Amino acid sequence: MFISIDEKASLWFTREFEFNKPFSIRMYPQYAGFGQKHKGYSLAFSAEHPANIGFTKEVNGITFYVEGNDVWFFEDTETYLTVDDHLDEIQVSYKEEISAVIS
C-alpha cells in the first residue's frame, strides 16, 4: 500500500474543508460510483478524528488516514491524489503495485 498526496492536493483539502491546520482527513471506500479500482466503490473523504488507524500520512499540517477496516481498498495499490488544474478538483489515480519475487 502506497498513498501519495502532492502539495496542490493538500492545499485543495485546506480550501475545501475550511479548517485551520492541523486537522485530519479520513480516506475511505464509499459504495457508489464507478470506481477505478473496485467496481461500485469510489474514494471518499471526510474531516474527522481517527478511531482505529490502519495507515497515516502527514502533509502540510494535514493528517490523512485510513481506518483499519478500510485498508482492503488500498492493498496492493499505489494511490495518487493530485489536482486537476482545469477543473480545480481532486483527482485520484491508482496503479497496481508490482511484487518482486526473490529466489
Protein backbone atom coordinates (compact mmCIF):
# COMPACT_ATOMS: atom_id res chain seq x y z
CA MET A 1 0.00 0.00 0.00
CA PHE A 2 1.34 3.38 -1.05
CA ILE A 3 -0.51 6.71 -0.91
CA SER A 4 0.91 9.90 -2.43
CA ILE A 5 -0.66 13.29 -1.74
CA ASP A 6 1.01 16.15 -3.58
CA GLU A 7 1.31 19.77 -2.48
CA LYS A 8 -1.58 21.00 -4.64
CA ALA A 9 -3.85 18.27 -3.26
CA SER A 10 -3.11 19.25 0.35
CA LEU A 11 -3.89 22.90 -0.48
CA TRP A 12 -7.14 21.79 -2.13
CA PHE A 13 -8.20 19.98 1.07
CA THR A 14 -7.34 23.04 3.17
CA ARG A 15 -9.51 25.22 0.94
CA GLU A 16 -12.41 22.75 0.57
CA PHE A 17 -12.73 21.79 4.23
CA GLU A 18 -12.04 25.31 5.56
CA PHE A 19 -10.31 24.12 8.71
CA ASN A 20 -7.33 25.61 10.44
CA LYS A 21 -4.40 23.24 10.49
CA PRO A 22 -3.80 20.77 11.98
CA PHE A 23 -6.78 18.64 11.01
CA SER A 24 -7.44 15.08 9.87
CA ILE A 25 -8.91 13.75 6.64
CA ARG A 26 -10.26 10.22 6.55
CA MET A 27 -9.96 8.42 3.21
CA TYR A 28 -12.44 5.58 2.80
CA PRO A 29 -14.26 3.49 0.20
CA GLN A 30 -17.79 4.63 -0.49
CA TYR A 31 -20.30 2.29 -2.06
CA ALA A 32 -21.28 4.45 -5.01
CA GLY A 33 -19.96 5.44 -8.36
CA PHE A 34 -17.82 3.77 -10.95
CA GLY A 35 -14.61 3.12 -9.05
CA GLN A 36 -11.42 2.56 -10.98
CA LYS A 37 -10.01 0.05 -8.53
CA HIS A 38 -13.06 -1.70 -7.07
CA LYS A 39 -16.20 -1.65 -9.19
CA GLY A 40 -19.07 0.05 -7.38
CA TYR A 41 -16.78 1.84 -4.90
CA SER A 42 -15.21 5.25 -5.07
CA LEU A 43 -12.76 7.01 -2.78
CA ALA A 44 -14.43 9.42 -0.36
CA PHE A 45 -13.08 11.90 2.18
CA SER A 46 -14.34 13.31 5.46
CA ALA A 47 -12.86 15.54 8.13
CA GLU A 48 -12.96 13.50 11.33
CA HIS A 49 -10.72 12.16 14.06
CA PRO A 50 -9.26 8.65 13.67
CA ALA A 51 -10.53 5.77 15.78
CA ASN A 52 -8.50 2.76 14.57
CA ILE A 53 -5.74 3.90 12.21
CA GLY A 54 -4.56 1.44 9.58
CA PHE A 55 -2.46 3.99 7.65
CA THR A 56 -1.48 7.60 8.23
CA LYS A 57 0.45 10.26 6.35
CA GLU A 58 1.00 13.90 7.30
CA VAL A 59 1.25 16.50 4.53
CA ASN A 60 1.48 20.24 5.26
CA GLY A 61 -0.21 20.01 8.66
CA ILE A 62 -2.99 17.69 7.49
CA THR A 63 -3.12 14.11 8.73
CA PHE A 64 -4.52 11.86 6.02
CA TYR A 65 -5.53 8.45 7.30
CA VAL A 66 -7.28 5.19 6.53
CA GLU A 67 -9.13 3.29 9.24
CA GLY A 68 -8.01 -0.29 9.82
CA ASN A 69 -11.23 -1.78 8.42
CA ASP A 70 -10.81 0.22 5.17
CA VAL A 71 -7.24 -0.86 4.38
CA TRP A 72 -8.52 -3.56 1.97
CA PHE A 73 -9.43 -0.85 -0.53
CA PHE A 74 -5.80 0.30 -0.79
CA GLU A 75 -3.98 -3.05 -0.60
CA ASP A 76 -1.60 -3.91 -3.44
CA THR A 77 -2.17 -0.45 -4.87
CA GLU A 78 -0.39 2.84 -5.27
CA THR A 79 -2.91 5.66 -4.80
CA TYR A 80 -2.11 9.17 -6.03
CA LEU A 81 -4.01 12.31 -5.03
CA THR A 82 -3.41 15.32 -7.26
CA VAL A 83 -5.45 18.26 -8.52
CA ASP A 84 -6.90 18.55 -12.00
CA ASP A 85 -5.88 22.13 -12.77
CA HIS A 86 -8.52 22.55 -15.47
CA LEU A 87 -11.42 21.52 -13.20
CA ASP A 88 -9.82 22.59 -9.89
CA GLU A 89 -10.94 19.28 -8.37
CA ILE A 90 -9.14 16.49 -6.58
CA GLN A 91 -8.04 13.71 -8.91
CA VAL A 92 -7.40 10.17 -7.74
CA SER A 93 -5.44 7.64 -9.75
CA TYR A 94 -4.38 4.09 -8.97
CA LYS A 95 -1.54 1.88 -10.03
CA GLU A 96 -1.18 -1.75 -9.05
CA GLU A 97 1.92 -2.47 -7.02
CA ILE A 98 4.25 -4.97 -8.57
CA SER A 99 5.51 -7.57 -6.14
CA ALA A 100 9.06 -8.68 -6.61
CA VAL A 101 9.75 -12.36 -6.09
CA ILE A 102 13.25 -13.08 -4.86
CA SER A 103 14.51 -16.63 -5.01
